[in-house]
Amino acid sequence: MLSPVFGEFAGTLVVILMGEGVNAAVTLKQSKAEAAGWMVIATGWGFAVFCGVVTAIACGSPGAHLNPAVTVAIAVKTGDFTQLVPFILAQFLGAMVGATLVWLFYFPHWELTEDPAAKLGVFCTAPAIRRPFWNLLSEIIATAVLIIVIGSLGAKSFAAAGPAPGLAPYLVAILVWGIGLSLGGTTGYAINPARDLGPRLAHAILPIAGKGGSDWGYAPIPVLGPVIGAALAGLFLRVTGI
């Protein structure tokens, strides 16, 4: 049962369940965490990534990508594209299942929350100011930072023998937390096509009480931005030898 593909599915499911869980906790009416704010959301997503990475490793995926952008960057850096399709499919499926579990977990709260846009925001990202070029650029830069710093954590100049066993998930979680706090205010920092598109599809399919549209006009940006940023960052890591 344990395998790299299953690990990617399980780890991504946990990331989305806990990450979108904190979105729901802060957003939905009569949640005990209602209106807790951006710091709680960014922190929750950082912890979600830590939990997802640990789960993925335990379930058979030692690389714990959990993000098509990471998979694309590694493929560009190494020239090995064999994991691209199976990993990305597993990540998208895990994201959709995780989003479905969030819907079930907070089931009584959806009908109490009147704003359809707030409900959509639990599942996927939206820009603070809708300017497609600048929104795309935000996602490109934030994703490139994610990939370059992850690559740097494994650089021999940072740690000759690599990070101490078990430390890497903490470091990646801190990185995601920092990106959320510093670079998340413009677009909600998707930095992960599966994190946005998988739950957006779930939002479109699920019978969520009082939901509106799934904002498909914006949907390409949190997919293309991370992919472009990842490809550029992967090329940078390959050229520099980091």
C-alpha atoms as a PDB file:
ATOM      1  CA  MET A   1       0.000   0.000   0.000  1.00  0.00           C
ATOM      2  CA  LEU A   2       2.765   2.460   0.916  1.00  0.00           C
ATOM      3  CA  SER A   3       4.321   4.075  -2.146  1.00  0.00           C
ATOM      4  CA  PRO A   4       5.535   7.483  -3.333  1.00  0.00           C
ATOM      5  CA  VAL A   5       2.262   8.114  -5.181  1.00  0.00           C
ATOM      6  CA  PHE A   6       0.146   7.147  -2.158  1.00  0.00           C
ATOM      7  CA  GLY A   7       2.387   9.317   0.020  1.00  0.00           C
ATOM      8  CA  GLU A   8       1.746  12.309  -2.248  1.00  0.00           C
ATOM      9  CA  PHE A   9      -2.001  11.676  -2.097  1.00  0.00           C
ATOM     10  CA  ALA A  10      -2.112  11.261   1.690  1.00  0.00           C
ATOM     11  CA  GLY A  11       0.248  14.140   2.447  1.00  0.00           C
ATOM     12  CA  THR A  12      -1.600  16.569   0.171  1.00  0.00           C
ATOM     13  CA  LEU A  13      -4.912  15.503   1.681  1.00  0.00           C
ATOM     14  CA  VAL A  14      -3.610  16.394   5.152  1.00  0.00           C
ATOM     15  CA  VAL A  15      -2.235  19.760   3.977  1.00  0.00           C
ATOM     16  CA  ILE A  16      -5.590  20.743   2.494  1.00  0.00           C
ATOM     17  CA  LEU A  17      -7.689  19.376   5.342  1.00  0.00           C
ATOM     18  CA  MET A  18      -5.735  21.359   7.914  1.00  0.00           C
ATOM     19  CA  GLY A  19      -4.943  24.401   5.748  1.00  0.00           C
ATOM     20  CA  GLU A  20      -8.452  24.921   4.465  1.00  0.00           C
ATOM     21  CA  GLY A  21      -9.644  23.888   7.891  1.00  0.00           C
ATOM     22  CA  VAL A  22      -8.039  27.009   9.331  1.00  0.00           C
ATOM     23  CA  ASN A  23      -9.566  29.068   6.510  1.00  0.00           C
ATOM     24  CA  ALA A  24     -12.975  27.715   7.495  1.00  0.00           C
ATOM     25  CA  ALA A  25     -12.360  28.221  11.195  1.00  0.00           C
ATOM     26  CA  VAL A  26     -11.549  31.903  10.704  1.00  0.00           C
ATOM     27  CA  THR A  27     -14.178  32.582   8.032  1.00  0.00           C
ATOM     28  CA  LEU A  28     -17.368  30.666   8.789  1.00  0.00           C
ATOM     29  CA  LYS A  29     -20.067  31.973  11.114  1.00  0.00           C
ATOM     30  CA  GLN A  30     -20.264  30.687  14.686  1.00  0.00           C
ATOM     31  CA  SER A  31     -16.891  29.008  14.478  1.00  0.00           C
ATOM     32  CA  LYS A  32     -15.013  29.506  17.731  1.00  0.00           C
ATOM     33  CA  ALA A  33     -12.105  30.948  15.702  1.00  0.00           C
ATOM     34  CA  GLU A  34     -14.267  33.320  13.632  1.00  0.00           C
ATOM     35  CA  ALA A  35     -12.401  36.523  12.632  1.00  0.00           C
ATOM     36  CA  ALA A  36      -9.152  35.355  14.262  1.00  0.00           C
ATOM     37  CA  GLY A  37      -7.204  36.974  11.424  1.00  0.00           C
ATOM     38  CA  TRP A  38      -4.372  36.553   8.975  1.00  0.00           C
ATOM     39  CA  MET A  39      -1.755  35.537  11.518  1.00  0.00           C
ATOM     40  CA  VAL A  40      -3.855  32.516  12.464  1.00  0.00           C
ATOM     41  CA  ILE A  41      -4.394  31.589   8.820  1.00  0.00           C
ATOM     42  CA  ALA A  42      -0.707  31.872   7.898  1.00  0.00           C
ATOM     43  CA  THR A  43       0.320  29.938  11.001  1.00  0.00           C
ATOM     44  CA  GLY A  44      -2.283  27.248  10.373  1.00  0.00           C
ATOM     45  CA  TRP A  45      -1.052  26.731   6.832  1.00  0.00           C
ATOM     46  CA  GLY A  46       2.540  26.440   8.042  1.00  0.00           C
ATOM     47  CA  PHE A  47       1.545  23.757  10.541  1.00  0.00           C
ATOM     48  CA  ALA A  48      -0.566  22.075   7.852  1.00  0.00           C
ATOM     49  CA  VAL A  49       2.471  21.754   5.596  1.00  0.00           C
ATOM     50  CA  PHE A  50       4.511  20.247   8.445  1.00  0.00           C
ATOM     51  CA  CYS A  51       1.790  17.658   9.098  1.00  0.00           C
ATOM     52  CA  GLY A  52       1.441  16.901   5.402  1.00  0.00           C
ATOM     53  CA  VAL A  53       5.178  16.418   4.894  1.00  0.00           C
ATOM     54  CA  VAL A  54       5.421  14.043   7.858  1.00  0.00           C
ATOM     55  CA  THR A  55       2.398  12.077   6.593  1.00  0.00           C
ATOM     56  CA  ALA A  56       3.766  11.844   3.056  1.00  0.00           C
ATOM     57  CA  ILE A  57       7.120  10.553   4.261  1.00  0.00           C
ATOM     58  CA  ALA A  58       5.474   7.985   6.541  1.00  0.00           C
ATOM     59  CA  CYS A  59       3.225   6.828   3.684  1.00  0.00           C
ATOM     60  CA  GLY A  60       6.073   6.221   1.258  1.00  0.00           C
ATOM     61  CA  SER A  61       7.039   9.494  -0.420  1.00  0.00           C
ATOM     62  CA  PRO A  62      10.438  10.531   1.007  1.00  0.00           C
ATOM     63  CA  GLY A  63      10.542  13.656  -1.161  1.00  0.00           C
ATOM     64  CA  ALA A  64       7.117  14.812   0.082  1.00  0.00           C
ATOM     65  CA  HIS A  65       6.457  17.215  -2.789  1.00  0.00           C
ATOM     66  CA  LEU A  66       2.730  17.775  -2.006  1.00  0.00           C
ATOM     67  CA  ASN A  67       2.717  20.470  -4.671  1.00  0.00           C
ATOM     68  CA  PRO A  68       2.878  20.260  -8.472  1.00  0.00           C
ATOM     69  CA  ALA A  69       5.162  23.304  -8.406  1.00  0.00           C
ATOM     70  CA  VAL A  70       7.725  21.364  -6.362  1.00  0.00           C
ATOM     71  CA  THR A  71       7.390  18.378  -8.700  1.00  0.00           C
ATOM     72  CA  VAL A  72       7.873  20.609 -11.753  1.00  0.00           C
ATOM     73  CA  ALA A  73      10.900  22.343 -10.202  1.00  0.00           C
ATOM     74  CA  ILE A  74      12.588  19.059  -9.336  1.00  0.00           C
ATOM     75  CA  ALA A  75      11.931  17.741 -12.845  1.00  0.00           C
ATOM     76  CA  VAL A  76      13.467  20.862 -14.398  1.00  0.00           C
ATOM     77  CA  LYS A  77      16.446  20.744 -12.051  1.00  0.00           C
ATOM     78  CA  THR A  78      17.207  17.048 -12.509  1.00  0.00           C
ATOM     79  CA  GLY A  79      15.920  16.453 -16.038  1.00  0.00           C
ATOM     80  CA  ASP A  80      13.910  13.483 -14.743  1.00  0.00           C
ATOM     81  CA  PHE A  81      10.231  13.883 -15.617  1.00  0.00           C
ATOM     82  CA  THR A  82       9.079  10.368 -14.731  1.00  0.00           C
ATOM     83  CA  GLN A  83       7.334  11.432 -11.517  1.00  0.00           C
ATOM     84  CA  LEU A  84       5.564  14.407 -13.055  1.00  0.00           C
ATOM     85  CA  VAL A  85       2.233  12.879 -14.101  1.00  0.00           C
ATOM     86  CA  PRO A  86       1.643  10.336 -11.300  1.00  0.00           C
ATOM     87  CA  PHE A  87       2.650  12.754  -8.540  1.00  0.00           C
ATOM     88  CA  ILE A  88       0.563  15.628  -9.885  1.00  0.00           C
ATOM     89  CA  LEU A  89      -2.507  13.430 -10.300  1.00  0.00           C
ATOM     90  CA  ALA A  90      -2.098  12.143  -6.735  1.00  0.00           C
ATOM     91  CA  GLN A  91      -1.682  15.688  -5.416  1.00  0.00           C
ATOM     92  CA  PHE A  92      -4.819  16.952  -7.162  1.00  0.00           C
ATOM     93  CA  LEU A  93      -6.860  13.989  -5.961  1.00  0.00           C
ATOM     94  CA  GLY A  94      -5.585  14.428  -2.406  1.00  0.00           C
ATOM     95  CA  ALA A  95      -6.482  18.122  -2.536  1.00  0.00           C
ATOM     96  CA  MET A  96     -10.021  17.388  -3.694  1.00  0.00           C
ATOM     97  CA  VAL A  97     -10.565  14.788  -0.975  1.00  0.00           C
ATOM     98  CA  GLY A  98      -9.104  17.096   1.661  1.00  0.00           C
ATOM     99  CA  ALA A  99     -11.422  19.920   0.572  1.00  0.00           C
ATOM    100  CA  THR A 100     -14.407  17.579   0.690  1.00  0.00           C
ATOM    101  CA  LEU A 101     -13.525  16.618   4.264  1.00  0.00           C
ATOM    102  CA  VAL A 102     -13.391  20.320   5.221  1.00  0.00           C
ATOM    103  CA  TRP A 103     -16.906  20.738   3.816  1.00  0.00           C
ATOM    104  CA  LEU A 104     -18.117  17.794   5.882  1.00  0.00           C
ATOM    105  CA  PHE A 105     -16.256  18.845   9.024  1.00  0.00           C
ATOM    106  CA  TYR A 106     -17.831  22.325   9.046  1.00  0.00           C
ATOM    107  CA  PHE A 107     -21.165  21.185   7.602  1.00  0.00           C
ATOM    108  CA  PRO A 108     -23.555  23.136   9.922  1.00  0.00           C
ATOM    109  CA  HIS A 109     -21.610  26.390   9.428  1.00  0.00           C
ATOM    110  CA  TRP A 110     -22.035  26.785   5.665  1.00  0.00           C
ATOM    111  CA  GLU A 111     -25.730  27.655   5.812  1.00  0.00           C
ATOM    112  CA  LEU A 112     -25.060  30.164   8.594  1.00  0.00           C
ATOM    113  CA  THR A 113     -22.482  32.019   6.492  1.00  0.00           C
ATOM    114  CA  GLU A 114     -24.293  34.334   4.085  1.00  0.00           C
ATOM    115  CA  ASP A 115     -21.419  35.566   1.909  1.00  0.00           C
ATOM    116  CA  PRO A 116     -20.780  33.231  -1.060  1.00  0.00           C
ATOM    117  CA  ALA A 117     -17.371  34.804  -1.662  1.00  0.00           C
ATOM    118  CA  ALA A 118     -16.339  34.001   1.904  1.00  0.00           C
ATOM    119  CA  LYS A 119     -17.325  30.380   1.375  1.00  0.00           C
ATOM    120  CA  LEU A 120     -15.328  30.225  -1.851  1.00  0.00           C
ATOM    121  CA  GLY A 121     -12.366  31.739  -0.012  1.00  0.00           C
ATOM    122  CA  VAL A 122     -12.271  28.724   2.270  1.00  0.00           C
ATOM    123  CA  PHE A 123     -11.535  26.538  -0.761  1.00  0.00           C
ATOM    124  CA  CYS A 124      -9.352  28.614  -3.064  1.00  0.00           C
ATOM    125  CA  THR A 125      -7.525  31.883  -3.449  1.00  0.00           C
ATOM    126  CA  ALA A 126      -8.650  35.261  -4.753  1.00  0.00           C
ATOM    127  CA  PRO A 127      -6.709  38.497  -5.248  1.00  0.00           C
ATOM    128  CA  ALA A 128      -7.008  41.431  -2.886  1.00  0.00           C
ATOM    129  CA  ILE A 129      -6.859  43.700  -5.960  1.00  0.00           C
ATOM    130  CA  ARG A 130      -7.844  41.977  -9.208  1.00  0.00           C
ATOM    131  CA  ARG A 131      -5.096  42.898 -11.667  1.00  0.00           C
ATOM    132  CA  PRO A 132      -4.237  39.736 -13.615  1.00  0.00           C
ATOM    133  CA  PHE A 133      -0.655  40.607 -14.565  1.00  0.00           C
ATOM    134  CA  TRP A 134       0.299  41.661 -11.044  1.00  0.00           C
ATOM    135  CA  ASN A 135      -1.577  38.748  -9.505  1.00  0.00           C
ATOM    136  CA  LEU A 136       0.340  36.377 -11.796  1.00  0.00           C
ATOM    137  CA  LEU A 137       3.621  38.055 -10.911  1.00  0.00           C
ATOM    138  CA  SER A 138       2.876  37.704  -7.197  1.00  0.00           C
ATOM    139  CA  GLU A 139       2.344  33.958  -7.596  1.00  0.00           C
ATOM    140  CA  ILE A 140       5.484  33.587  -9.737  1.00  0.00           C
ATOM    141  CA  ILE A 141       7.690  35.395  -7.198  1.00  0.00           C
ATOM    142  CA  ALA A 142       6.226  33.705  -4.115  1.00  0.00           C
ATOM    143  CA  THR A 143       6.558  30.252  -5.684  1.00  0.00           C
ATOM    144  CA  ALA A 144      10.113  30.936  -6.817  1.00  0.00           C
ATOM    145  CA  VAL A 145      10.985  31.901  -3.241  1.00  0.00           C
ATOM    146  CA  LEU A 146       9.428  28.652  -2.009  1.00  0.00           C
ATOM    147  CA  ILE A 147      11.430  26.522  -4.442  1.00  0.00           C
ATOM    148  CA  ILE A 148      14.759  28.327  -4.097  1.00  0.00           C
ATOM    149  CA  VAL A 149      14.688  28.264  -0.308  1.00  0.00           C
ATOM    150  CA  ILE A 150      13.675  24.590  -0.233  1.00  0.00           C
ATOM    151  CA  GLY A 151      16.572  23.892  -2.583  1.00  0.00           C
ATOM    152  CA  SER A 152      18.900  25.931  -0.409  1.00  0.00           C
ATOM    153  CA  LEU A 153      17.945  23.924   2.681  1.00  0.00           C
ATOM    154  CA  GLY A 154      19.520  20.902   1.009  1.00  0.00           C
ATOM    155  CA  ALA A 155      22.611  22.741  -0.230  1.00  0.00           C
ATOM    156  CA  LYS A 156      25.970  21.488   1.052  1.00  0.00           C
ATOM    157  CA  SER A 157      27.016  25.068   1.742  1.00  0.00           C
ATOM    158  CA  PHE A 158      24.102  25.306   4.190  1.00  0.00           C
ATOM    159  CA  ALA A 159      24.483  21.875   5.779  1.00  0.00           C
ATOM    160  CA  ALA A 160      27.209  19.604   4.434  1.00  0.00           C
ATOM    161  CA  ALA A 161      25.382  16.437   5.450  1.00  0.00           C
ATOM    162  CA  GLY A 162      21.918  17.891   4.929  1.00  0.00           C
ATOM    163  CA  PRO A 163      19.491  18.971   7.667  1.00  0.00           C
ATOM    164  CA  ALA A 164      19.393  16.791  10.779  1.00  0.00           C
ATOM    165  CA  PRO A 165      16.950  13.865  10.484  1.00  0.00           C
ATOM    166  CA  GLY A 166      13.411  15.020  11.089  1.00  0.00           C
ATOM    167  CA  LEU A 167      14.300  18.713  10.906  1.00  0.00           C
ATOM    168  CA  ALA A 168      13.418  19.374   7.253  1.00  0.00           C
ATOM    169  CA  PRO A 169       9.601  19.361   7.750  1.00  0.00           C
ATOM    170  CA  TYR A 170       9.927  22.039  10.446  1.00  0.00           C
ATOM    171  CA  LEU A 171      12.096  24.194   8.196  1.00  0.00           C
ATOM    172  CA  VAL A 172       9.693  23.911   5.263  1.00  0.00           C
ATOM    173  CA  ALA A 173       6.755  24.752   7.545  1.00  0.00           C
ATOM    174  CA  ILE A 174       8.557  27.871   8.771  1.00  0.00           C
ATOM    175  CA  LEU A 175       9.236  28.830   5.147  1.00  0.00           C
ATOM    176  CA  VAL A 176       5.550  28.517   4.193  1.00  0.00           C
ATOM    177  CA  TRP A 177       4.580  30.472   7.299  1.00  0.00           C
ATOM    178  CA  GLY A 178       7.006  33.233   6.339  1.00  0.00           C
ATOM    179  CA  ILE A 179       5.769  33.365   2.752  1.00  0.00           C
ATOM    180  CA  GLY A 180       2.217  33.679   4.012  1.00  0.00           C
ATOM    181  CA  LEU A 181       3.094  36.564   6.305  1.00  0.00           C
ATOM    182  CA  SER A 182       5.345  38.424   3.870  1.00  0.00           C
ATOM    183  CA  LEU A 183       4.053  37.603   0.387  1.00  0.00           C
ATOM    184  CA  GLY A 184       0.528  36.324   0.955  1.00  0.00           C
ATOM    185  CA  GLY A 185      -1.395  39.568   1.167  1.00  0.00           C
ATOM    186  CA  THR A 186      -1.828  40.144  -2.573  1.00  0.00           C
ATOM    187  CA  THR A 187      -3.286  36.858  -3.835  1.00  0.00           C
ATOM    188  CA  GLY A 188      -3.613  34.604  -0.795  1.00  0.00           C
ATOM    189  CA  TYR A 189      -0.392  32.791  -1.853  1.00  0.00           C
ATOM    190  CA  ALA A 190      -1.602  29.693  -3.652  1.00  0.00           C
ATOM    191  CA  ILE A 191       2.038  28.741  -4.511  1.00  0.00           C
ATOM    192  CA  ASN A 192       0.585  25.316  -5.263  1.00  0.00           C
ATOM    193  CA  PRO A 193      -1.697  24.551  -8.239  1.00  0.00           C
ATOM    194  CA  ALA A 194      -3.238  21.521  -6.492  1.00  0.00           C
ATOM    195  CA  ARG A 195      -4.001  23.568  -3.385  1.00  0.00           C
ATOM    196  CA  ASP A 196      -6.093  25.975  -5.468  1.00  0.00           C
ATOM    197  CA  LEU A 197      -7.525  24.061  -8.419  1.00  0.00           C
ATOM    198  CA  GLY A 198      -8.373  20.818  -6.580  1.00  0.00           C
ATOM    199  CA  PRO A 199     -10.502  22.537  -3.919  1.00  0.00           C
ATOM    200  CA  ARG A 200     -11.968  24.900  -6.521  1.00  0.00           C
ATOM    201  CA  LEU A 201     -13.216  21.850  -8.401  1.00  0.00           C
ATOM    202  CA  ALA A 202     -14.567  20.444  -5.126  1.00  0.00           C
ATOM    203  CA  HIS A 203     -16.385  23.747  -4.498  1.00  0.00           C
ATOM    204  CA  ALA A 204     -17.954  23.548  -7.948  1.00  0.00           C
ATOM    205  CA  ILE A 205     -19.108  19.948  -7.449  1.00  0.00           C
ATOM    206  CA  LEU A 206     -20.181  19.826  -3.803  1.00  0.00           C
ATOM    207  CA  PRO A 207     -23.708  20.866  -2.715  1.00  0.00           C
ATOM    208  CA  ILE A 208     -22.434  23.593  -0.388  1.00  0.00           C
ATOM    209  CA  ALA A 209     -25.298  25.528   1.171  1.00  0.00           C
ATOM    210  CA  GLY A 210     -25.672  28.984  -0.360  1.00  0.00           C
ATOM    211  CA  LYS A 211     -22.540  28.836  -2.479  1.00  0.00           C
ATOM    212  CA  GLY A 212     -22.003  31.092  -5.472  1.00  0.00           C
ATOM    213  CA  GLY A 213     -19.793  30.632  -8.521  1.00  0.00           C
ATOM    214  CA  SER A 214     -16.290  29.175  -8.371  1.00  0.00           C
ATOM    215  CA  ASP A 215     -14.611  32.200 -10.068  1.00  0.00           C
ATOM    216  CA  TRP A 216     -13.195  30.282 -13.023  1.00  0.00           C
ATOM    217  CA  GLY A 217     -12.080  33.558 -14.588  1.00  0.00           C
ATOM    218  CA  TYR A 218      -9.331  33.846 -11.985  1.00  0.00           C
ATOM    219  CA  ALA A 219      -8.552  30.114 -11.768  1.00  0.00           C
ATOM    220  CA  PRO A 220      -5.703  30.022 -14.350  1.00  0.00           C
ATOM    221  CA  ILE A 221      -3.548  32.458 -12.362  1.00  0.00           C
ATOM    222  CA  PRO A 222      -2.938  30.303  -9.229  1.00  0.00           C
ATOM    223  CA  VAL A 223      -2.065  27.444 -11.586  1.00  0.00           C
ATOM    224  CA  LEU A 224       0.107  29.189 -14.176  1.00  0.00           C
ATOM    225  CA  GLY A 225       1.889  31.478 -11.694  1.00  0.00           C
ATOM    226  CA  PRO A 226       3.230  28.650  -9.510  1.00  0.00           C
ATOM    227  CA  VAL A 227       4.171  26.541 -12.540  1.00  0.00           C
ATOM    228  CA  ILE A 228       6.106  29.411 -14.133  1.00  0.00           C
ATOM    229  CA  GLY A 229       7.756  30.339 -10.832  1.00  0.00           C
ATOM    230  CA  ALA A 230       8.683  26.715 -10.191  1.00  0.00           C
ATOM    231  CA  ALA A 231      10.157  26.207 -13.657  1.00  0.00           C
ATOM    232  CA  LEU A 232      12.250  29.366 -13.352  1.00  0.00           C
ATOM    233  CA  ALA A 233      13.396  28.433  -9.854  1.00  0.00           C
ATOM    234  CA  GLY A 234      14.221  24.879 -10.954  1.00  0.00           C
ATOM    235  CA  LEU A 235      16.309  26.263 -13.794  1.00  0.00           C
ATOM    236  CA  PHE A 236      18.069  28.589 -11.340  1.00  0.00           C
ATOM    237  CA  LEU A 237      18.881  25.667  -9.030  1.00  0.00           C
ATOM    238  CA  ARG A 238      20.186  23.649 -11.972  1.00  0.00           C
ATOM    239  CA  VAL A 239      22.396  26.444 -13.319  1.00  0.00           C
ATOM    240  CA  THR A 240      23.793  27.421  -9.912  1.00  0.00           C
ATOM    241  CA  GLY A 241      24.250  23.849  -8.716  1.00  0.00           C
ATOM    242  CA  ILE A 242      22.438  24.547  -5.449  1.00  0.00           C
END
